[in-house]
Amino acid sequence: MSRCSTNKDAWEKLFEKYNILEKIQSDGYFKISSKQINEYREARLMTKFDNSECIPKILKENNLSILPISSNTYMIAQFNTYKKFEKCDKEIERIDFPPYIQSLDSENITSEALALNCAYITNMLKDFLGEEGLVPTVSGKMGSGIFSFEIKKIDSDEKIDVTVENSRMEIDGGYEGVNSLALVEAKNVISDDFLVRQLYYPYRLWKSKIQKDVRPIFVVYSNGIFTIYEYKFNDINEYSSIELVKSKKYSIEETDIDLGTIQDLINEINTLAEEPMVSFPQANSFERVINLCELLENSEKNKEEITELYEFVERQTNYYTDAAIYLGLVRKNGKRTKTFELTETGKQILKLKYKARQLAFAKLILSHKVFYLTIKKYFENVDMPEPSEIVKFMKECNLYKIGSDSTYYRRASTIKAWIDWIINLITE
């Protein structure tokens, strides 16, 4: 059973035992201790939701979220603790990797710590921050200090008052320059949103300690691309006042792919004679399919481990593992059917440089006739085909166990999304 499923069951028992919903309805919040949570499962595992995907069902259904307010106490209320990542449409900037560095392999960045080290030694962070004299200073686990703030309720401008007294927190990297201190949260897993607390608590601590500007930074690394976001809090005393300042994409490798290259790829495609006898994909983010392959690059993982790393619900884990299996990138290990590993094709593609890797992924997609027909129609019309036309292509291609028309239309959204991914590779 995955952490998400285990958490779901344990939280339902806690809600029942302590009448949590009734207390929130009367008081507006409920405070729960680590000791109480530990009655059913370790509090550390029960309260870590870095994105909103895996908030337990009983909290999600009641628009509830959770924040630590001390080293052993949490507050549950209808507050909005997450922020969606805004799409970064900026062109990818090429940046050089220092040729004298031998202890860090820029083609094998498998952890958040390595990604941050790479961003620092290439002067990526210096360029993004526009700071002179940038050096690493603070990092690791520490206490938050004591402070109070307001936070908006979900779907409302009404605010809840919160006081934090030495909650435990962690800073992935702190980089100080002449004019400011950048506090960085780093991720090598793609998600739609992030927990604002990861930026806000460190911001409040260091804002009280130094005179310089404190700049909350988020770094996401996947598929050879570093996406860096800078945020600000318009009101230091309001958690919900977070706002994006700027974002930028960087790569150590050449990333330019022109229209002609994509058209040549399409013209050279030989589609498969038969569709694989596996579920047709229902996984609209092809970036996450790639990210899943990256998670499996160094070791096989079972469904529970993938679910925990992504903070998915299990259904989404199934969607993305099925999609990777459909493309021949991932397989189930024959010895343990719930373990997933990269195929030789998957391993070889991940070893390629950025441009060759993207084109290899695109070739795999387009080798399936329904994707090939869709992109051909796209270039004929210079527009995406209507869903009904994509469904028509699907029905011509003898896909495996699609079923009802409603299922065809749901799967058609994946075809559209993957074709969009290929089109968006074109940079010039």
Protein backbone atom coordinates (compact mmCIF):
# COMPACT_ATOMS: atom_id res chain seq x y z
CA MET A 1 0.00 0.00 0.00
CA SER A 2 1.35 3.45 -0.95
CA ARG A 3 2.00 6.30 1.45
CA CYS A 4 -0.95 8.20 -0.05
CA SER A 5 -3.33 5.28 0.59
CA THR A 6 -1.93 4.67 4.07
CA ASN A 7 -2.23 8.37 4.90
CA LYS A 8 -5.81 8.41 3.63
CA ASP A 9 -6.86 5.61 5.99
CA ALA A 10 -5.00 7.06 8.97
CA TRP A 11 -6.42 10.56 8.48
CA GLU A 12 -9.95 9.21 8.27
CA LYS A 13 -9.44 7.49 11.63
CA LEU A 14 -8.01 10.68 13.16
CA PHE A 15 -10.93 12.77 11.88
CA GLU A 16 -13.37 10.32 13.41
CA LYS A 17 -11.61 9.96 16.75
CA TYR A 18 -11.10 13.70 17.38
CA ASN A 19 -14.28 15.02 15.68
CA ILE A 20 -12.04 17.23 13.57
CA LEU A 21 -14.68 18.40 11.09
CA GLU A 22 -17.04 19.45 13.88
CA LYS A 23 -14.25 21.37 15.65
CA ILE A 24 -13.30 23.18 12.44
CA GLN A 25 -16.93 24.11 11.79
CA SER A 26 -17.21 25.63 15.27
CA ASP A 27 -13.72 27.12 15.74
CA GLY A 28 -12.49 27.62 12.18
CA TYR A 29 -9.44 25.38 12.69
CA PHE A 30 -8.17 22.33 14.55
CA LYS A 31 -4.77 21.92 16.16
CA ILE A 32 -3.37 18.41 16.29
CA SER A 33 -0.16 17.19 17.91
CA SER A 34 2.45 14.83 16.52
CA LYS A 35 1.63 12.50 19.43
CA GLN A 36 -1.99 12.28 18.30
CA ILE A 37 -1.02 11.68 14.67
CA ASN A 38 1.55 9.06 15.70
CA GLU A 39 -1.26 6.93 17.13
CA TYR A 40 -1.94 5.82 13.56
CA ARG A 41 1.18 6.65 11.57
CA GLU A 42 4.39 8.66 11.89
CA ALA A 43 3.54 12.37 11.78
CA ARG A 44 6.47 13.15 9.49
CA LEU A 45 4.95 10.93 6.78
CA MET A 46 1.38 11.99 7.49
CA THR A 47 1.92 15.73 7.03
CA LYS A 48 4.34 16.03 4.10
CA PHE A 49 2.41 17.14 1.02
CA ASP A 50 4.80 19.17 -1.16
CA ASN A 51 2.07 19.56 -3.78
CA SER A 52 -1.70 19.28 -3.67
CA GLU A 53 -1.89 16.01 -5.66
CA CYS A 54 -1.66 13.78 -2.62
CA ILE A 55 -3.60 15.65 0.04
CA PRO A 56 -5.66 12.90 1.72
CA LYS A 57 -9.19 12.56 0.43
CA ILE A 58 -10.92 13.63 3.63
CA LEU A 59 -8.96 16.90 3.68
CA LYS A 60 -9.38 17.55 -0.03
CA GLU A 61 -13.14 16.93 0.01
CA ASN A 62 -13.56 19.49 2.78
CA ASN A 63 -11.18 22.11 1.29
CA LEU A 64 -8.76 21.57 4.16
CA SER A 65 -5.00 21.81 4.32
CA ILE A 66 -2.39 21.48 7.04
CA LEU A 67 0.50 23.64 8.27
CA PRO A 68 3.09 22.97 10.98
CA ILE A 69 2.95 25.64 13.70
CA SER A 70 5.59 24.26 16.08
CA SER A 71 8.01 21.35 16.27
CA ASN A 72 5.18 19.04 17.31
CA THR A 73 1.88 20.76 16.44
CA TYR A 74 -0.08 21.27 13.22
CA MET A 75 -3.07 23.39 12.27
CA ILE A 76 -5.81 22.10 9.98
CA ALA A 77 -8.13 24.66 8.37
CA GLN A 78 -9.74 25.72 5.10
CA PHE A 79 -6.73 27.76 4.09
CA ASN A 80 -5.06 27.91 0.71
CA THR A 81 -1.50 26.66 1.20
CA TYR A 82 -0.48 25.96 -2.43
CA LYS A 83 0.37 28.02 -5.50
CA LYS A 84 0.27 26.87 -9.12
CA PHE A 85 3.44 27.15 -11.17
CA GLU A 86 2.94 29.71 -13.92
CA LYS A 87 4.09 28.45 -17.31
CA CYS A 88 7.50 29.77 -18.29
CA ASP A 89 7.34 30.62 -22.00
CA LYS A 90 10.81 32.12 -22.17
CA GLU A 91 13.33 30.71 -24.63
CA ILE A 92 15.86 28.36 -23.11
CA GLU A 93 19.20 30.06 -22.50
CA ARG A 94 22.32 28.01 -23.14
CA ILE A 95 24.92 28.19 -20.41
CA ASP A 96 28.39 26.61 -20.35
CA PHE A 97 29.50 23.95 -17.91
CA PRO A 98 33.02 24.60 -16.51
CA PRO A 99 35.39 22.24 -18.38
CA TYR A 100 37.64 21.73 -15.33
CA ILE A 101 34.86 20.18 -13.20
CA GLN A 102 35.21 16.39 -13.10
CA SER A 103 33.40 15.41 -9.90
CA LEU A 104 29.95 16.45 -11.17
CA ASP A 105 28.59 14.82 -14.33
CA SER A 106 26.34 17.34 -16.06
CA GLU A 107 24.74 14.50 -18.04
CA ASN A 108 23.78 12.55 -14.93
CA ILE A 109 22.00 14.94 -12.59
CA THR A 110 19.91 12.57 -10.50
CA SER A 111 19.13 14.56 -7.35
CA GLU A 112 18.00 17.99 -6.24
CA ALA A 113 21.35 18.59 -4.53
CA LEU A 114 23.27 17.87 -7.75
CA ALA A 115 20.91 20.11 -9.70
CA LEU A 116 21.58 23.00 -7.29
CA ASN A 117 25.33 22.42 -7.39
CA CYS A 118 25.17 22.51 -11.19
CA ALA A 119 23.09 25.71 -11.17
CA TYR A 120 25.69 27.34 -8.92
CA ILE A 121 28.94 26.29 -10.60
CA THR A 122 27.67 27.25 -14.08
CA ASN A 123 26.78 30.75 -12.79
CA MET A 124 23.17 30.07 -13.72
CA LEU A 125 22.00 31.39 -10.34
CA LYS A 126 24.29 34.41 -10.64
CA ASP A 127 22.82 35.24 -14.04
CA PHE A 128 19.23 34.79 -12.88
CA LEU A 129 19.69 36.78 -9.67
CA GLY A 130 21.90 39.46 -11.20
CA GLU A 131 24.03 39.32 -8.06
CA GLU A 132 27.75 39.93 -7.62
CA GLY A 133 29.83 37.92 -5.18
CA LEU A 134 27.27 35.13 -4.92
CA VAL A 135 28.34 32.36 -2.52
CA PRO A 136 26.54 29.47 -0.79
CA THR A 137 25.87 30.19 2.87
CA VAL A 138 22.90 28.67 4.72
CA SER A 139 21.26 25.29 4.10
CA GLY A 140 19.81 22.32 5.90
CA LYS A 141 17.29 21.82 8.68
CA MET A 142 16.63 24.57 11.21
CA GLY A 143 13.95 26.13 13.39
CA SER A 144 11.63 28.71 11.87
CA GLY A 145 11.71 31.19 14.74
CA ILE A 146 8.54 32.80 16.09
CA PHE A 147 6.22 34.83 13.86
CA SER A 148 2.56 35.36 13.04
CA PHE A 149 0.81 35.75 9.71
CA GLU A 150 -2.52 35.80 7.92
CA ILE A 151 -3.54 33.29 5.25
CA LYS A 152 -6.56 33.39 2.95
CA LYS A 153 -9.19 30.70 3.07
CA ILE A 154 -9.77 28.62 -0.04
CA ASP A 155 -12.03 30.42 -2.56
CA SER A 156 -12.44 33.37 -0.20
CA ASP A 157 -10.79 36.63 0.83
CA GLU A 158 -11.49 35.79 4.46
CA LYS A 159 -8.27 35.29 6.42
CA ILE A 160 -7.12 33.04 9.23
CA ASP A 161 -4.54 34.11 11.82
CA VAL A 162 -1.64 31.70 12.39
CA THR A 163 1.24 31.83 14.87
CA VAL A 164 4.34 29.70 14.32
CA GLU A 165 6.73 28.88 17.16
CA ASN A 166 9.94 27.17 16.06
CA SER A 167 8.52 24.80 13.49
CA ARG A 168 11.11 22.61 11.81
CA MET A 169 11.96 23.55 8.22
CA GLU A 170 14.64 22.90 5.62
CA ILE A 171 16.44 25.14 3.13
CA ASP A 172 17.87 23.34 0.09
CA GLY A 173 20.28 26.17 -0.65
CA GLY A 174 20.98 29.71 0.49
CA TYR A 175 23.13 31.96 -1.74
CA GLU A 176 24.24 35.39 -0.58
CA GLY A 177 25.48 38.18 -2.78
CA VAL A 178 26.35 41.82 -2.23
CA ASN A 179 22.72 42.95 -2.13
CA SER A 180 20.56 39.97 -1.27
CA LEU A 181 20.17 36.46 0.12
CA ALA A 182 18.44 33.95 -2.18
CA LEU A 183 16.72 31.05 -0.40
CA VAL A 184 16.22 28.16 -2.82
CA GLU A 185 13.80 25.25 -2.85
CA ALA A 186 14.79 22.65 -5.47
CA LYS A 187 12.80 19.82 -7.06
CA ASN A 188 13.62 17.20 -9.68
CA VAL A 189 10.01 15.99 -9.83
CA ILE A 190 7.45 17.84 -11.95
CA SER A 191 4.21 19.02 -10.30
CA ASP A 192 1.47 21.49 -11.09
CA ASP A 193 1.83 23.46 -7.87
CA PHE A 194 3.97 23.78 -4.75
CA LEU A 195 3.57 24.30 -1.02
CA VAL A 196 4.13 28.00 -0.34
CA ARG A 197 5.32 27.17 3.20
CA GLN A 198 8.57 25.86 1.70
CA LEU A 199 9.39 29.43 0.68
CA TYR A 200 7.49 31.45 3.28
CA TYR A 201 8.84 30.01 6.54
CA PRO A 202 12.53 30.39 5.49
CA TYR A 203 11.70 33.87 4.17
CA ARG A 204 10.22 34.95 7.53
CA LEU A 205 13.15 33.54 9.49
CA TRP A 206 15.87 35.22 7.46
CA LYS A 207 13.94 38.45 6.96
CA SER A 208 14.12 38.85 10.74
CA LYS A 209 17.85 38.10 10.86
CA ILE A 210 19.46 40.21 8.12
CA GLN A 211 19.11 43.68 6.59
CA LYS A 212 19.51 42.60 2.95
CA ASP A 213 16.69 41.63 0.63
CA VAL A 214 15.58 38.01 1.01
CA ARG A 215 14.56 36.45 -2.30
CA PRO A 216 12.47 33.23 -2.39
CA ILE A 217 13.58 31.06 -5.33
CA PHE A 218 12.25 27.79 -6.73
CA VAL A 219 14.38 25.62 -9.06
CA VAL A 220 12.87 22.73 -11.02
CA TYR A 221 15.19 20.41 -12.96
CA SER A 222 13.95 17.85 -15.48
CA ASN A 223 14.88 16.61 -18.96
CA GLY A 224 18.04 18.71 -19.10
CA ILE A 225 16.19 21.97 -18.38
CA PHE A 226 16.55 24.16 -15.29
CA THR A 227 13.48 26.34 -14.72
CA ILE A 228 14.07 29.03 -12.11
CA TYR A 229 11.26 31.05 -10.52
CA GLU A 230 11.62 34.09 -8.27
CA TYR A 231 8.75 35.02 -5.96
CA LYS A 232 8.02 37.85 -3.58
CA PHE A 233 5.59 38.36 -0.72
CA ASN A 234 3.84 41.67 -1.21
CA ASP A 235 2.94 41.74 2.49
CA ILE A 236 5.47 40.10 4.80
CA ASN A 237 2.66 39.26 7.23
CA GLU A 238 0.45 37.53 4.64
CA TYR A 239 1.26 34.02 3.43
CA SER A 240 -1.17 34.41 0.51
CA SER A 241 0.50 37.55 -0.86
CA ILE A 242 3.01 35.49 -2.86
CA GLU A 243 3.54 36.67 -6.43
CA LEU A 244 5.81 35.58 -9.27
CA VAL A 245 8.52 38.12 -10.03
CA LYS A 246 10.14 36.38 -13.00
CA SER A 247 11.07 32.98 -14.40
CA LYS A 248 13.69 31.73 -16.81
CA LYS A 249 14.86 28.47 -18.41
CA TYR A 250 18.46 27.33 -18.77
CA SER A 251 20.25 24.35 -20.30
CA ILE A 252 23.85 23.23 -20.40
CA GLU A 253 23.20 21.64 -23.80
CA GLU A 254 22.17 22.99 -27.20
CA THR A 255 18.36 23.04 -27.37
CA ASP A 256 17.44 24.72 -30.68
CA ILE A 257 15.18 22.58 -32.88
CA ASP A 258 13.83 24.07 -36.09
CA LEU A 259 10.61 23.39 -38.00
CA GLY A 260 12.46 21.62 -40.79
CA THR A 261 13.93 19.09 -38.37
CA ILE A 262 10.46 18.16 -37.09
CA GLN A 263 9.07 17.94 -40.62
CA ASP A 264 11.98 15.75 -41.72
CA LEU A 265 11.32 13.49 -38.73
CA ILE A 266 7.66 13.13 -39.73
CA ASN A 267 8.56 12.32 -43.34
CA GLU A 268 10.99 9.60 -42.23
CA ILE A 269 8.61 7.87 -39.81
CA ASN A 270 7.66 4.25 -40.36
CA THR A 271 4.58 3.60 -38.27
CA LEU A 272 4.12 0.35 -36.37
CA ALA A 273 2.25 -2.39 -38.20
CA GLU A 274 0.25 -3.19 -35.05
CA GLU A 275 -0.58 -1.33 -31.87
CA PRO A 276 0.87 -2.79 -28.64
CA MET A 277 -1.46 -4.88 -26.52
CA VAL A 278 -1.34 -2.42 -23.64
CA SER A 279 -3.62 0.35 -22.43
CA PHE A 280 -3.70 3.41 -24.66
CA PRO A 281 -2.24 6.41 -22.77
CA GLN A 282 -4.28 8.68 -20.54
CA ALA A 283 -1.43 10.90 -19.37
CA ASN A 284 -1.59 14.42 -20.74
CA SER A 285 1.77 15.70 -19.48
CA PHE A 286 4.48 14.21 -21.66
CA GLU A 287 6.99 16.08 -19.49
CA ARG A 288 5.93 13.81 -16.64
CA VAL A 289 6.39 10.71 -18.78
CA ILE A 290 9.99 11.83 -19.33
CA ASN A 291 10.37 12.70 -15.66
CA LEU A 292 9.15 9.21 -14.72
CA CYS A 293 11.88 7.72 -16.92
CA GLU A 294 14.43 9.90 -15.15
CA LEU A 295 13.24 8.61 -11.77
CA LEU A 296 13.83 5.05 -12.99
CA GLU A 297 17.20 5.79 -14.59
CA ASN A 298 19.38 4.58 -11.73
CA SER A 299 17.12 1.99 -10.12
CA GLU A 300 13.87 0.16 -10.65
CA LYS A 301 10.94 1.23 -8.46
CA ASN A 302 7.62 -0.25 -7.50
CA LYS A 303 4.28 1.49 -7.79
CA GLU A 304 4.34 2.61 -4.16
CA GLU A 305 7.78 4.24 -4.52
CA ILE A 306 6.74 6.09 -7.68
CA THR A 307 3.53 7.25 -6.04
CA GLU A 308 5.47 8.54 -3.04
CA LEU A 309 8.14 10.32 -5.09
CA TYR A 310 5.52 12.10 -7.18
CA GLU A 311 3.04 12.50 -4.31
CA PHE A 312 0.50 11.18 -6.80
CA VAL A 313 -2.64 9.26 -6.16
CA GLU A 314 -2.20 5.67 -7.33
CA ARG A 315 -4.53 6.17 -10.30
CA GLN A 316 -2.15 8.76 -11.76
CA THR A 317 0.83 6.47 -11.19
CA ASN A 318 -0.99 3.86 -13.27
CA TYR A 319 -1.66 6.40 -16.04
CA TYR A 320 1.98 7.44 -16.36
CA THR A 321 3.55 3.99 -16.00
CA ASP A 322 1.06 2.69 -18.60
CA ALA A 323 2.00 5.55 -20.95
CA ALA A 324 5.72 4.79 -20.62
CA ILE A 325 5.05 1.08 -21.19
CA TYR A 326 2.96 1.90 -24.28
CA LEU A 327 5.93 3.76 -25.80
CA GLY A 328 8.37 0.98 -24.95
CA LEU A 329 10.34 3.12 -22.50
CA VAL A 330 9.46 1.18 -19.34
CA ARG A 331 8.57 -2.41 -18.55
CA LYS A 332 7.39 -4.36 -15.57
CA ASN A 333 10.10 -6.50 -14.06
CA GLY A 334 9.25 -10.15 -14.71
CA LYS A 335 10.37 -11.24 -11.26
CA ARG A 336 8.21 -8.73 -9.38
CA THR A 337 5.26 -7.61 -11.47
CA LYS A 338 4.76 -4.36 -9.52
CA THR A 339 8.32 -3.20 -10.14
CA PHE A 340 9.05 -0.91 -13.08
CA GLU A 341 12.36 -0.45 -14.87
CA LEU A 342 13.65 1.25 -17.99
CA THR A 343 13.84 -0.81 -21.16
CA GLU A 344 17.02 -0.76 -23.23
CA THR A 345 15.28 1.80 -25.45
CA GLY A 346 14.54 3.98 -22.44
CA LYS A 347 18.12 3.72 -21.18
CA GLN A 348 19.60 4.59 -24.57
CA ILE A 349 17.33 7.61 -25.09
CA LEU A 350 18.17 9.08 -21.68
CA LYS A 351 21.88 8.88 -22.55
CA LEU A 352 21.39 11.14 -25.58
CA LYS A 353 22.08 14.86 -25.68
CA TYR A 354 19.06 17.16 -25.28
CA LYS A 355 18.18 17.64 -28.98
CA ALA A 356 18.68 14.01 -29.93
CA ARG A 357 16.74 12.92 -26.84
CA GLN A 358 13.70 15.06 -27.65
CA LEU A 359 13.67 13.86 -31.26
CA ALA A 360 13.95 10.24 -30.12
CA PHE A 361 10.94 10.71 -27.82
CA ALA A 362 9.02 12.38 -30.67
CA LYS A 363 9.91 9.51 -33.02
CA LEU A 364 8.59 6.97 -30.52
CA ILE A 365 5.31 8.87 -30.23
CA LEU A 366 4.87 9.31 -33.97
CA SER A 367 5.65 5.67 -34.72
CA HIS A 368 2.10 5.05 -33.48
CA LYS A 369 -0.16 5.72 -36.44
CA VAL A 370 -2.83 7.71 -34.60
CA PHE A 371 -0.24 10.28 -33.46
CA TYR A 372 1.29 10.33 -36.95
CA LEU A 373 -2.09 11.00 -38.59
CA THR A 374 -2.85 13.74 -36.08
CA ILE A 375 0.39 15.64 -36.60
CA LYS A 376 0.13 15.28 -40.38
CA LYS A 377 -3.34 16.86 -40.21
CA TYR A 378 -1.94 19.56 -37.91
CA PHE A 379 0.63 20.62 -40.51
CA GLU A 380 -1.91 20.43 -43.33
CA ASN A 381 -4.29 22.81 -41.52
CA VAL A 382 -1.67 24.68 -39.43
CA ASP A 383 -4.03 23.95 -36.53
CA MET A 384 -4.84 21.08 -34.20
CA PRO A 385 -7.58 18.75 -35.52
CA GLU A 386 -10.91 18.81 -33.70
CA PRO A 387 -11.38 16.10 -31.02
CA SER A 388 -13.97 14.40 -33.23
CA GLU A 389 -11.40 14.07 -36.03
CA ILE A 390 -8.78 12.68 -33.64
CA VAL A 391 -11.35 10.13 -32.42
CA LYS A 392 -11.98 9.18 -36.07
CA PHE A 393 -8.24 8.50 -36.48
CA MET A 394 -8.26 6.45 -33.28
CA LYS A 395 -11.08 4.24 -34.50
CA GLU A 396 -9.16 3.60 -37.73
CA CYS A 397 -6.06 2.43 -35.86
CA ASN A 398 -7.34 -0.65 -34.00
CA LEU A 399 -6.30 0.61 -30.57
CA TYR A 400 -6.27 -1.81 -27.66
CA LYS A 401 -9.42 -1.93 -25.48
CA ILE A 402 -10.61 1.67 -25.69
CA GLY A 403 -14.29 0.98 -25.08
CA SER A 404 -16.92 3.72 -25.02
CA ASP A 405 -16.97 6.96 -27.01
CA SER A 406 -16.40 8.96 -23.81
CA THR A 407 -13.19 6.98 -23.27
CA TYR A 408 -12.10 7.72 -26.85
CA TYR A 409 -12.52 11.45 -26.21
CA ARG A 410 -10.58 11.29 -22.93
CA ARG A 411 -7.71 9.50 -24.68
CA ALA A 412 -7.91 12.01 -27.56
CA SER A 413 -6.89 14.71 -25.08
CA THR A 414 -3.63 12.83 -24.52
CA ILE A 415 -2.99 12.66 -28.28
CA LYS A 416 -3.53 16.42 -28.53
CA ALA A 417 -1.27 17.10 -25.53
CA TRP A 418 1.59 14.93 -26.87
CA ILE A 419 1.36 16.51 -30.32
CA ASP A 420 1.44 19.93 -28.64
CA TRP A 421 4.60 18.81 -26.83
CA ILE A 422 6.26 17.93 -30.14
CA ILE A 423 5.19 21.22 -31.78
CA ASN A 424 6.48 23.18 -28.79
CA LEU A 425 9.94 21.69 -29.31
CA ILE A 426 10.29 24.04 -32.29
CA THR A 427 12.32 27.04 -31.20
CA GLU A 428 13.06 28.71 -34.53
